[in-house]
Amino acid sequence: MTQEENAEAALWICLQLIPGLTSKGICTLLGQFGSPENIFSASHQDLNKVVPEAVSSSIKNGPDFSGAEPSLQWLYKDHNHLITLADRHYPQSLLEIPDPPPMLYAKGDLSCLTMPAMAIVGSRNASAQGEKNAEEFAFALSEQGFCIVSGMAVGIDGAAHRGALRNKNGKTIAVAGTGLDIVYPAKHRDLAHQIATQGLILSEFLIGTPSNPENFPRRNRIISGISLGCLVIEANTNSGSTMTAKLATEQGREVFAIPGSIHSPMSKGCHALIKEGAKLVDCIQDITDELNPLN
């Protein structure tokens, strides 16, 4: 990075370090003041019109450059990026959702963000057949030019990433619920390396952020938001996967689900989604018929 780029990145990261300032709050401030530099130089009075007193006081304490240093050091490494709302690489699809992340940390191939994307999600405790379905659908969709998006969890997520990677030219995006210096789950370290080499890993979280449970619903809105559609393969009702599908619906994305045995708990989430309007899928054409006109 140039000295100017480094200074700009530092200010963006410092926004994330302000206690009590949410992503929505950052977006509101950016809408009002235009840039992180303008936010930090704004008057206390003007800040109070946009954010609570405690937050505006923290802003007026000045940027926490020492706190931003770990994330900046991570950015100095090859193929690591910070994509902000002001960046030309920022995914346009995320601008359409109610709560877009103000910035994304990215590792790998940024061209993935320009491709039509399809989310594939499902149970961490997937059956062998469920994982096979995820891998085969991901491979077939990648052959049709889709970038496969998932959350790098064990089970369906990992199988979906592997399916895309099986295609020599296939691309996949893993959206993490941690800082990108942490691989979660740790058993997917090799998979994460493959994804960073052939695709892209994204996170809205600061470097060093651990796998806190509250991070994953926020991750899920990015998985659905960055995609044209969301395919659910094996899921309990009220699982993270069905919640991702519901977020997709709220975001105006297409939702698809593979049915299963009426006796399997892993089918109940998919069946519930189908009852609520998700398209029943038993072959790739069920998806491409819906999404190809959108590409």
C-alpha atoms as a PDB file:
ATOM      1  CA  MET A   1       0.000   0.000   0.000  1.00  0.00           C
ATOM      2  CA  THR A   2       1.059   3.586  -0.597  1.00  0.00           C
ATOM      3  CA  GLN A   3       1.383   5.900   2.387  1.00  0.00           C
ATOM      4  CA  GLU A   4      -1.898   7.574   1.404  1.00  0.00           C
ATOM      5  CA  GLU A   5      -3.707   4.208   1.077  1.00  0.00           C
ATOM      6  CA  ASN A   6      -2.298   3.120   4.432  1.00  0.00           C
ATOM      7  CA  ALA A   7      -3.578   6.275   6.144  1.00  0.00           C
ATOM      8  CA  GLU A   8      -7.024   5.874   4.581  1.00  0.00           C
ATOM      9  CA  ALA A   9      -7.261   2.180   5.538  1.00  0.00           C
ATOM     10  CA  ALA A  10      -6.233   3.029   9.098  1.00  0.00           C
ATOM     11  CA  LEU A  11      -9.108   5.492   9.466  1.00  0.00           C
ATOM     12  CA  TRP A  12     -11.645   2.970   8.136  1.00  0.00           C
ATOM     13  CA  ILE A  13     -10.394   0.356  10.597  1.00  0.00           C
ATOM     14  CA  CYS A  14     -10.493   2.891  13.436  1.00  0.00           C
ATOM     15  CA  LEU A  15     -14.216   3.372  12.800  1.00  0.00           C
ATOM     16  CA  GLN A  16     -14.727  -0.308  13.653  1.00  0.00           C
ATOM     17  CA  LEU A  17     -12.879   0.186  16.952  1.00  0.00           C
ATOM     18  CA  ILE A  18     -15.255   2.837  18.291  1.00  0.00           C
ATOM     19  CA  PRO A  19     -17.201   1.344  21.234  1.00  0.00           C
ATOM     20  CA  GLY A  20     -20.923   1.073  20.605  1.00  0.00           C
ATOM     21  CA  LEU A  21     -20.726   1.998  16.916  1.00  0.00           C
ATOM     22  CA  THR A  22     -22.538  -0.605  14.797  1.00  0.00           C
ATOM     23  CA  SER A  23     -22.184  -1.218  11.075  1.00  0.00           C
ATOM     24  CA  LYS A  24     -25.491   0.613  10.576  1.00  0.00           C
ATOM     25  CA  GLY A  25     -24.103   3.491  12.616  1.00  0.00           C
ATOM     26  CA  ILE A  26     -20.961   3.632  10.473  1.00  0.00           C
ATOM     27  CA  CYS A  27     -23.094   3.689   7.302  1.00  0.00           C
ATOM     28  CA  THR A  28     -25.241   6.478   8.739  1.00  0.00           C
ATOM     29  CA  LEU A  29     -22.152   8.510   9.605  1.00  0.00           C
ATOM     30  CA  LEU A  30     -20.679   7.950   6.147  1.00  0.00           C
ATOM     31  CA  GLY A  31     -23.960   9.053   4.579  1.00  0.00           C
ATOM     32  CA  GLN A  32     -23.851  12.243   6.627  1.00  0.00           C
ATOM     33  CA  PHE A  33     -20.144  13.111   6.485  1.00  0.00           C
ATOM     34  CA  GLY A  34     -18.862  11.270   3.409  1.00  0.00           C
ATOM     35  CA  SER A  35     -15.603   9.737   4.650  1.00  0.00           C
ATOM     36  CA  PRO A  36     -13.877   8.465   7.811  1.00  0.00           C
ATOM     37  CA  GLU A  37     -11.594  11.518   7.760  1.00  0.00           C
ATOM     38  CA  ASN A  38     -14.610  13.827   7.790  1.00  0.00           C
ATOM     39  CA  ILE A  39     -16.249  11.795  10.575  1.00  0.00           C
ATOM     40  CA  PHE A  40     -13.226  12.137  12.855  1.00  0.00           C
ATOM     41  CA  SER A  41     -12.936  15.860  12.111  1.00  0.00           C
ATOM     42  CA  ALA A  42     -16.667  16.591  12.574  1.00  0.00           C
ATOM     43  CA  SER A  43     -17.792  18.669  15.533  1.00  0.00           C
ATOM     44  CA  HIS A  44     -19.208  17.052  18.642  1.00  0.00           C
ATOM     45  CA  GLN A  45     -22.454  18.911  17.997  1.00  0.00           C
ATOM     46  CA  ASP A  46     -22.805  17.581  14.446  1.00  0.00           C
ATOM     47  CA  LEU A  47     -21.939  14.031  15.522  1.00  0.00           C
ATOM     48  CA  ASN A  48     -24.598  14.152  18.238  1.00  0.00           C
ATOM     49  CA  LYS A  49     -27.236  14.656  15.552  1.00  0.00           C
ATOM     50  CA  VAL A  50     -26.348  11.249  14.049  1.00  0.00           C
ATOM     51  CA  VAL A  51     -25.101   8.996  16.867  1.00  0.00           C
ATOM     52  CA  PRO A  52     -25.561   8.752  20.657  1.00  0.00           C
ATOM     53  CA  GLU A  53     -23.541  11.021  22.943  1.00  0.00           C
ATOM     54  CA  ALA A  54     -21.279   8.191  24.148  1.00  0.00           C
ATOM     55  CA  VAL A  55     -20.366   7.257  20.568  1.00  0.00           C
ATOM     56  CA  SER A  56     -19.734  10.845  19.501  1.00  0.00           C
ATOM     57  CA  SER A  57     -17.502  11.331  22.560  1.00  0.00           C
ATOM     58  CA  SER A  58     -15.492   8.249  21.576  1.00  0.00           C
ATOM     59  CA  ILE A  59     -15.129   9.591  18.042  1.00  0.00           C
ATOM     60  CA  LYS A  60     -13.877  12.926  19.371  1.00  0.00           C
ATOM     61  CA  ASN A  61     -11.232  11.056  21.403  1.00  0.00           C
ATOM     62  CA  GLY A  62      -9.595  10.469  18.037  1.00  0.00           C
ATOM     63  CA  PRO A  63      -8.682   7.420  15.943  1.00  0.00           C
ATOM     64  CA  ASP A  64      -7.233   4.438  17.813  1.00  0.00           C
ATOM     65  CA  PHE A  65      -4.276   3.813  15.509  1.00  0.00           C
ATOM     66  CA  SER A  66      -2.606   1.389  17.910  1.00  0.00           C
ATOM     67  CA  GLY A  67      -5.754  -0.744  17.953  1.00  0.00           C
ATOM     68  CA  ALA A  68      -5.833  -0.699  14.138  1.00  0.00           C
ATOM     69  CA  GLU A  69      -2.229  -1.892  13.828  1.00  0.00           C
ATOM     70  CA  PRO A  70      -2.908  -5.691  13.787  1.00  0.00           C
ATOM     71  CA  SER A  71      -5.365  -5.277  10.900  1.00  0.00           C
ATOM     72  CA  LEU A  72      -2.965  -2.983   9.058  1.00  0.00           C
ATOM     73  CA  GLN A  73      -0.114  -5.464   9.479  1.00  0.00           C
ATOM     74  CA  TRP A  74      -2.380  -8.163   8.019  1.00  0.00           C
ATOM     75  CA  LEU A  75      -3.114  -5.919   5.017  1.00  0.00           C
ATOM     76  CA  TYR A  76       0.580  -5.613   4.183  1.00  0.00           C
ATOM     77  CA  LYS A  77       0.686  -9.314   3.236  1.00  0.00           C
ATOM     78  CA  ASP A  78       0.207 -10.464  -0.348  1.00  0.00           C
ATOM     79  CA  HIS A  79      -3.356 -11.019  -1.608  1.00  0.00           C
ATOM     80  CA  ASN A  80      -4.903  -9.427   1.488  1.00  0.00           C
ATOM     81  CA  HIS A  81      -7.340  -6.564   0.918  1.00  0.00           C
ATOM     82  CA  LEU A  82      -9.646  -4.118   2.671  1.00  0.00           C
ATOM     83  CA  ILE A  83     -12.739  -3.360   0.589  1.00  0.00           C
ATOM     84  CA  THR A  84     -14.727  -0.365   1.797  1.00  0.00           C
ATOM     85  CA  LEU A  85     -17.992   1.191   0.670  1.00  0.00           C
ATOM     86  CA  ALA A  86     -15.851   3.703  -1.227  1.00  0.00           C
ATOM     87  CA  ASP A  87     -13.955   0.954  -3.084  1.00  0.00           C
ATOM     88  CA  ARG A  88     -14.695   0.015  -6.698  1.00  0.00           C
ATOM     89  CA  HIS A  89     -14.400  -3.669  -5.713  1.00  0.00           C
ATOM     90  CA  TYR A  90     -17.237  -3.426  -3.181  1.00  0.00           C
ATOM     91  CA  PRO A  91     -19.968  -5.899  -4.252  1.00  0.00           C
ATOM     92  CA  GLN A  92     -22.914  -4.000  -5.685  1.00  0.00           C
ATOM     93  CA  SER A  93     -25.277  -6.739  -4.513  1.00  0.00           C
ATOM     94  CA  LEU A  94     -24.473  -5.928  -0.875  1.00  0.00           C
ATOM     95  CA  LEU A  95     -25.508  -2.317  -1.400  1.00  0.00           C
ATOM     96  CA  GLU A  96     -29.055  -3.629  -1.923  1.00  0.00           C
ATOM     97  CA  ILE A  97     -29.421  -5.201   1.536  1.00  0.00           C
ATOM     98  CA  PRO A  98     -30.721  -3.312   4.598  1.00  0.00           C
ATOM     99  CA  ASP A  99     -27.487  -3.585   6.609  1.00  0.00           C
ATOM    100  CA  PRO A 100     -24.466  -3.676   4.281  1.00  0.00           C
ATOM    101  CA  PRO A 101     -21.081  -4.155   5.942  1.00  0.00           C
ATOM    102  CA  PRO A 102     -19.177  -0.850   5.744  1.00  0.00           C
ATOM    103  CA  MET A 103     -15.979  -2.754   4.984  1.00  0.00           C
ATOM    104  CA  LEU A 104     -14.850  -6.256   4.123  1.00  0.00           C
ATOM    105  CA  TYR A 105     -11.516  -7.917   4.742  1.00  0.00           C
ATOM    106  CA  ALA A 106     -10.682 -10.157   1.797  1.00  0.00           C
ATOM    107  CA  LYS A 107      -8.041 -12.759   1.026  1.00  0.00           C
ATOM    108  CA  GLY A 108      -7.606 -14.110  -2.503  1.00  0.00           C
ATOM    109  CA  ASP A 109      -9.055 -13.317  -5.921  1.00  0.00           C
ATOM    110  CA  LEU A 110     -11.206 -10.171  -5.965  1.00  0.00           C
ATOM    111  CA  SER A 111     -12.557 -11.027  -9.430  1.00  0.00           C
ATOM    112  CA  CYS A 112     -14.888 -13.486  -7.635  1.00  0.00           C
ATOM    113  CA  LEU A 113     -16.910 -10.468  -6.536  1.00  0.00           C
ATOM    114  CA  THR A 114     -17.851  -9.667 -10.139  1.00  0.00           C
ATOM    115  CA  MET A 115     -19.273 -13.133 -10.899  1.00  0.00           C
ATOM    116  CA  PRO A 116     -22.910 -14.259 -10.569  1.00  0.00           C
ATOM    117  CA  ALA A 117     -22.975 -16.043  -7.220  1.00  0.00           C
ATOM    118  CA  MET A 118     -25.020 -18.862  -5.708  1.00  0.00           C
ATOM    119  CA  ALA A 119     -25.119 -19.612  -1.992  1.00  0.00           C
ATOM    120  CA  ILE A 120     -25.215 -23.237  -0.837  1.00  0.00           C
ATOM    121  CA  VAL A 121     -25.834 -23.813   2.867  1.00  0.00           C
ATOM    122  CA  GLY A 122     -26.974 -26.598   5.157  1.00  0.00           C
ATOM    123  CA  SER A 123     -26.375 -28.664   8.253  1.00  0.00           C
ATOM    124  CA  ARG A 124     -23.022 -29.081   9.993  1.00  0.00           C
ATOM    125  CA  ASN A 125     -24.206 -32.627  10.836  1.00  0.00           C
ATOM    126  CA  ALA A 126     -24.981 -33.542   7.252  1.00  0.00           C
ATOM    127  CA  SER A 127     -25.435 -37.061   5.969  1.00  0.00           C
ATOM    128  CA  ALA A 128     -22.995 -38.531   3.461  1.00  0.00           C
ATOM    129  CA  GLN A 129     -25.690 -38.117   0.788  1.00  0.00           C
ATOM    130  CA  GLY A 130     -26.246 -34.508   1.793  1.00  0.00           C
ATOM    131  CA  GLU A 131     -22.557 -33.696   1.440  1.00  0.00           C
ATOM    132  CA  LYS A 132     -22.468 -35.503  -1.914  1.00  0.00           C
ATOM    133  CA  ASN A 133     -25.458 -33.452  -3.103  1.00  0.00           C
ATOM    134  CA  ALA A 134     -23.757 -30.232  -2.013  1.00  0.00           C
ATOM    135  CA  GLU A 135     -20.537 -31.105  -3.773  1.00  0.00           C
ATOM    136  CA  GLU A 136     -22.243 -32.201  -6.990  1.00  0.00           C
ATOM    137  CA  PHE A 137     -24.574 -29.185  -7.176  1.00  0.00           C
ATOM    138  CA  ALA A 138     -21.663 -26.827  -6.452  1.00  0.00           C
ATOM    139  CA  PHE A 139     -19.546 -28.456  -9.167  1.00  0.00           C
ATOM    140  CA  ALA A 140     -22.370 -28.316 -11.720  1.00  0.00           C
ATOM    141  CA  LEU A 141     -23.254 -24.697 -10.893  1.00  0.00           C
ATOM    142  CA  SER A 142     -19.611 -23.651 -11.105  1.00  0.00           C
ATOM    143  CA  GLU A 143     -19.491 -25.193 -14.572  1.00  0.00           C
ATOM    144  CA  GLN A 144     -22.407 -22.911 -15.464  1.00  0.00           C
ATOM    145  CA  GLY A 145     -20.344 -19.877 -14.431  1.00  0.00           C
ATOM    146  CA  PHE A 146     -21.605 -19.361 -10.885  1.00  0.00           C
ATOM    147  CA  CYS A 147     -19.294 -18.537  -8.003  1.00  0.00           C
ATOM    148  CA  ILE A 148     -20.291 -20.742  -5.048  1.00  0.00           C
ATOM    149  CA  VAL A 149     -20.758 -18.913  -1.738  1.00  0.00           C
ATOM    150  CA  SER A 150     -20.887 -20.564   1.685  1.00  0.00           C
ATOM    151  CA  GLY A 151     -19.659 -20.223   5.250  1.00  0.00           C
ATOM    152  CA  MET A 152     -16.760 -22.724   5.404  1.00  0.00           C
ATOM    153  CA  ALA A 153     -18.417 -24.676   8.237  1.00  0.00           C
ATOM    154  CA  VAL A 154     -18.149 -28.465   8.443  1.00  0.00           C
ATOM    155  CA  GLY A 155     -20.833 -30.446   6.635  1.00  0.00           C
ATOM    156  CA  ILE A 156     -22.711 -28.894   3.719  1.00  0.00           C
ATOM    157  CA  ASP A 157     -20.647 -25.684   3.598  1.00  0.00           C
ATOM    158  CA  GLY A 158     -17.330 -27.453   3.262  1.00  0.00           C
ATOM    159  CA  ALA A 159     -18.728 -29.865   0.660  1.00  0.00           C
ATOM    160  CA  ALA A 160     -20.033 -26.934  -1.409  1.00  0.00           C
ATOM    161  CA  HIS A 161     -16.630 -25.245  -1.402  1.00  0.00           C
ATOM    162  CA  ARG A 162     -14.928 -28.506  -2.353  1.00  0.00           C
ATOM    163  CA  GLY A 163     -17.350 -29.024  -5.230  1.00  0.00           C
ATOM    164  CA  ALA A 164     -16.517 -25.643  -6.720  1.00  0.00           C
ATOM    165  CA  LEU A 165     -12.787 -26.238  -6.243  1.00  0.00           C
ATOM    166  CA  ARG A 166     -13.052 -29.556  -8.135  1.00  0.00           C
ATOM    167  CA  ASN A 167     -13.712 -27.501 -11.250  1.00  0.00           C
ATOM    168  CA  LYS A 168     -10.337 -26.292 -12.548  1.00  0.00           C
ATOM    169  CA  ASN A 169     -11.821 -22.887 -13.327  1.00  0.00           C
ATOM    170  CA  GLY A 170     -14.366 -22.922 -10.507  1.00  0.00           C
ATOM    171  CA  LYS A 171     -14.547 -20.069  -8.015  1.00  0.00           C
ATOM    172  CA  THR A 172     -15.864 -20.028  -4.485  1.00  0.00           C
ATOM    173  CA  ILE A 173     -16.280 -17.420  -1.751  1.00  0.00           C
ATOM    174  CA  ALA A 174     -16.121 -18.378   1.923  1.00  0.00           C
ATOM    175  CA  VAL A 175     -17.656 -15.822   4.287  1.00  0.00           C
ATOM    176  CA  ALA A 176     -16.074 -16.131   7.724  1.00  0.00           C
ATOM    177  CA  GLY A 177     -17.483 -15.336  11.149  1.00  0.00           C
ATOM    178  CA  THR A 178     -14.031 -14.501  12.520  1.00  0.00           C
ATOM    179  CA  GLY A 179     -11.149 -12.245  11.646  1.00  0.00           C
ATOM    180  CA  LEU A 180      -9.265 -13.590   8.631  1.00  0.00           C
ATOM    181  CA  ASP A 181      -6.167 -14.378  10.679  1.00  0.00           C
ATOM    182  CA  ILE A 182      -8.227 -17.187  12.259  1.00  0.00           C
ATOM    183  CA  VAL A 183      -9.446 -20.313  10.458  1.00  0.00           C
ATOM    184  CA  TYR A 184     -12.700 -21.597  11.923  1.00  0.00           C
ATOM    185  CA  PRO A 185     -13.176 -24.472  12.195  1.00  0.00           C
ATOM    186  CA  ALA A 186      -9.458 -25.242  12.523  1.00  0.00           C
ATOM    187  CA  LYS A 187      -9.896 -28.564  10.690  1.00  0.00           C
ATOM    188  CA  HIS A 188     -10.606 -26.545   7.528  1.00  0.00           C
ATOM    189  CA  ARG A 189      -7.156 -24.941   7.451  1.00  0.00           C
ATOM    190  CA  ASP A 190      -6.192 -26.757   4.233  1.00  0.00           C
ATOM    191  CA  LEU A 191      -9.567 -25.966   2.675  1.00  0.00           C
ATOM    192  CA  ALA A 192      -9.167 -22.290   3.601  1.00  0.00           C
ATOM    193  CA  HIS A 193      -5.771 -22.260   1.885  1.00  0.00           C
ATOM    194  CA  GLN A 194      -7.310 -23.764  -1.266  1.00  0.00           C
ATOM    195  CA  ILE A 195     -10.136 -21.243  -1.242  1.00  0.00           C
ATOM    196  CA  ALA A 196      -7.739 -18.316  -0.823  1.00  0.00           C
ATOM    197  CA  THR A 197      -5.700 -19.657  -3.753  1.00  0.00           C
ATOM    198  CA  GLN A 198      -8.571 -20.426  -6.160  1.00  0.00           C
ATOM    199  CA  GLY A 199     -11.291 -18.158  -4.763  1.00  0.00           C
ATOM    200  CA  LEU A 200     -11.829 -15.622  -1.999  1.00  0.00           C
ATOM    201  CA  ILE A 201     -12.367 -15.504   1.769  1.00  0.00           C
ATOM    202  CA  LEU A 202     -14.361 -12.570   3.152  1.00  0.00           C
ATOM    203  CA  SER A 203     -15.096 -11.220   6.616  1.00  0.00           C
ATOM    204  CA  GLU A 204     -16.462  -7.971   7.990  1.00  0.00           C
ATOM    205  CA  PHE A 205     -14.696  -8.586  11.303  1.00  0.00           C
ATOM    206  CA  LEU A 206     -11.478  -7.017  12.509  1.00  0.00           C
ATOM    207  CA  ILE A 207      -8.334  -9.101  12.447  1.00  0.00           C
ATOM    208  CA  GLY A 208      -8.136 -11.015  15.720  1.00  0.00           C
ATOM    209  CA  THR A 209     -11.913 -11.380  16.146  1.00  0.00           C
ATOM    210  CA  PRO A 210     -12.669 -14.870  17.567  1.00  0.00           C
ATOM    211  CA  SER A 211     -15.601 -17.129  16.687  1.00  0.00           C
ATOM    212  CA  ASN A 212     -18.220 -15.475  18.884  1.00  0.00           C
ATOM    213  CA  PRO A 213     -21.724 -16.956  18.416  1.00  0.00           C
ATOM    214  CA  GLU A 214     -23.241 -13.553  17.632  1.00  0.00           C
ATOM    215  CA  ASN A 215     -20.921 -13.170  14.628  1.00  0.00           C
ATOM    216  CA  PHE A 216     -22.540 -15.899  12.564  1.00  0.00           C
ATOM    217  CA  PRO A 217     -25.992 -14.372  11.969  1.00  0.00           C
ATOM    218  CA  ARG A 218     -24.143 -11.291  10.699  1.00  0.00           C
ATOM    219  CA  ARG A 219     -22.008 -13.499   8.463  1.00  0.00           C
ATOM    220  CA  ASN A 220     -25.149 -15.160   7.092  1.00  0.00           C
ATOM    221  CA  ARG A 221     -26.642 -11.909   5.783  1.00  0.00           C
ATOM    222  CA  ILE A 222     -23.498 -11.496   3.661  1.00  0.00           C
ATOM    223  CA  ILE A 223     -23.686 -15.061   2.326  1.00  0.00           C
ATOM    224  CA  SER A 224     -27.240 -14.469   1.107  1.00  0.00           C
ATOM    225  CA  GLY A 225     -26.770 -10.832   0.198  1.00  0.00           C
ATOM    226  CA  ILE A 226     -23.837 -11.412  -2.111  1.00  0.00           C
ATOM    227  CA  SER A 227     -25.701 -14.149  -3.995  1.00  0.00           C
ATOM    228  CA  LEU A 228     -28.470 -14.286  -6.600  1.00  0.00           C
ATOM    229  CA  GLY A 229     -30.021 -17.259  -4.837  1.00  0.00           C
ATOM    230  CA  CYS A 230     -29.632 -19.602  -1.888  1.00  0.00           C
ATOM    231  CA  LEU A 231     -29.839 -23.415  -2.037  1.00  0.00           C
ATOM    232  CA  VAL A 232     -30.493 -25.198   1.263  1.00  0.00           C
ATOM    233  CA  ILE A 233     -29.388 -28.840   1.522  1.00  0.00           C
ATOM    234  CA  GLU A 234     -30.344 -30.586   4.782  1.00  0.00           C
ATOM    235  CA  ALA A 235     -31.351 -28.295   7.622  1.00  0.00           C
ATOM    236  CA  ASN A 236     -33.282 -28.383  10.860  1.00  0.00           C
ATOM    237  CA  THR A 237     -36.057 -25.883  11.403  1.00  0.00           C
ATOM    238  CA  ASN A 238     -34.764 -22.695  13.056  1.00  0.00           C
ATOM    239  CA  SER A 239     -31.184 -23.552  12.079  1.00  0.00           C
ATOM    240  CA  GLY A 240     -28.611 -21.088  10.834  1.00  0.00           C
ATOM    241  CA  SER A 241     -29.198 -22.382   7.309  1.00  0.00           C
ATOM    242  CA  THR A 242     -32.955 -21.769   7.371  1.00  0.00           C
ATOM    243  CA  MET A 243     -32.290 -18.330   8.842  1.00  0.00           C
ATOM    244  CA  THR A 244     -29.919 -17.618   5.940  1.00  0.00           C
ATOM    245  CA  ALA A 245     -32.681 -18.659   3.537  1.00  0.00           C
ATOM    246  CA  LYS A 246     -35.140 -16.328   5.281  1.00  0.00           C
ATOM    247  CA  LEU A 247     -32.618 -13.496   5.037  1.00  0.00           C
ATOM    248  CA  ALA A 248     -32.303 -14.280   1.332  1.00  0.00           C
ATOM    249  CA  THR A 249     -36.073 -13.944   0.949  1.00  0.00           C
ATOM    250  CA  GLU A 250     -36.044 -10.610   2.800  1.00  0.00           C
ATOM    251  CA  GLN A 251     -33.236  -9.441   0.527  1.00  0.00           C
ATOM    252  CA  GLY A 252     -35.200 -10.356  -2.605  1.00  0.00           C
ATOM    253  CA  ARG A 253     -33.056 -13.368  -3.501  1.00  0.00           C
ATOM    254  CA  GLU A 254     -34.330 -16.670  -4.893  1.00  0.00           C
ATOM    255  CA  VAL A 255     -34.534 -19.550  -2.397  1.00  0.00           C
ATOM    256  CA  PHE A 256     -34.210 -23.223  -3.313  1.00  0.00           C
ATOM    257  CA  ALA A 257     -34.361 -26.371  -1.184  1.00  0.00           C
ATOM    258  CA  ILE A 258     -33.710 -30.064  -1.760  1.00  0.00           C
ATOM    259  CA  PRO A 259     -36.407 -32.257  -0.175  1.00  0.00           C
ATOM    260  CA  GLY A 260     -35.696 -35.452   1.745  1.00  0.00           C
ATOM    261  CA  SER A 261     -37.336 -38.154   3.790  1.00  0.00           C
ATOM    262  CA  ILE A 262     -40.313 -37.076   5.893  1.00  0.00           C
ATOM    263  CA  HIS A 263     -38.749 -39.113   8.708  1.00  0.00           C
ATOM    264  CA  SER A 264     -35.434 -37.237   8.734  1.00  0.00           C
ATOM    265  CA  PRO A 265     -34.945 -34.242  11.066  1.00  0.00           C
ATOM    266  CA  MET A 266     -32.456 -32.936   8.495  1.00  0.00           C
ATOM    267  CA  SER A 267     -35.296 -32.578   5.960  1.00  0.00           C
ATOM    268  CA  LYS A 268     -37.687 -30.620   8.151  1.00  0.00           C
ATOM    269  CA  GLY A 269     -36.049 -27.239   7.531  1.00  0.00           C
ATOM    270  CA  CYS A 270     -36.015 -27.761   3.768  1.00  0.00           C
ATOM    271  CA  HIS A 271     -39.650 -28.927   3.754  1.00  0.00           C
ATOM    272  CA  ALA A 272     -40.686 -25.897   5.802  1.00  0.00           C
ATOM    273  CA  LEU A 273     -38.934 -23.578   3.329  1.00  0.00           C
ATOM    274  CA  ILE A 274     -40.676 -25.281   0.388  1.00  0.00           C
ATOM    275  CA  LYS A 275     -44.047 -24.814   2.118  1.00  0.00           C
ATOM    276  CA  GLU A 276     -43.174 -21.127   2.517  1.00  0.00           C
ATOM    277  CA  GLY A 277     -42.403 -20.707  -1.186  1.00  0.00           C
ATOM    278  CA  ALA A 278     -38.859 -21.972  -1.784  1.00  0.00           C
ATOM    279  CA  LYS A 279     -38.487 -23.797  -5.078  1.00  0.00           C
ATOM    280  CA  LEU A 280     -38.182 -27.562  -4.741  1.00  0.00           C
ATOM    281  CA  VAL A 281     -34.956 -28.727  -6.404  1.00  0.00           C
ATOM    282  CA  ASP A 282     -34.030 -32.179  -7.669  1.00  0.00           C
ATOM    283  CA  CYS A 283     -31.708 -31.176 -10.532  1.00  0.00           C
ATOM    284  CA  ILE A 284     -29.496 -28.247 -11.470  1.00  0.00           C
ATOM    285  CA  GLN A 285     -31.923 -27.103 -14.175  1.00  0.00           C
ATOM    286  CA  ASP A 286     -34.418 -26.199 -11.447  1.00  0.00           C
ATOM    287  CA  ILE A 287     -31.925 -23.522 -10.396  1.00  0.00           C
ATOM    288  CA  THR A 288     -30.574 -22.388 -13.746  1.00  0.00           C
ATOM    289  CA  ASP A 289     -34.089 -21.960 -15.163  1.00  0.00           C
ATOM    290  CA  GLU A 290     -34.718 -19.376 -12.455  1.00  0.00           C
ATOM    291  CA  LEU A 291     -31.342 -17.652 -12.282  1.00  0.00           C
ATOM    292  CA  ASN A 292     -29.875 -17.642 -15.772  1.00  0.00           C
ATOM    293  CA  PRO A 293     -32.239 -14.874 -16.926  1.00  0.00           C
ATOM    294  CA  LEU A 294     -30.872 -12.792 -14.035  1.00  0.00           C
ATOM    295  CA  ASN A 295     -27.229 -13.130 -15.120  1.00  0.00           C
END
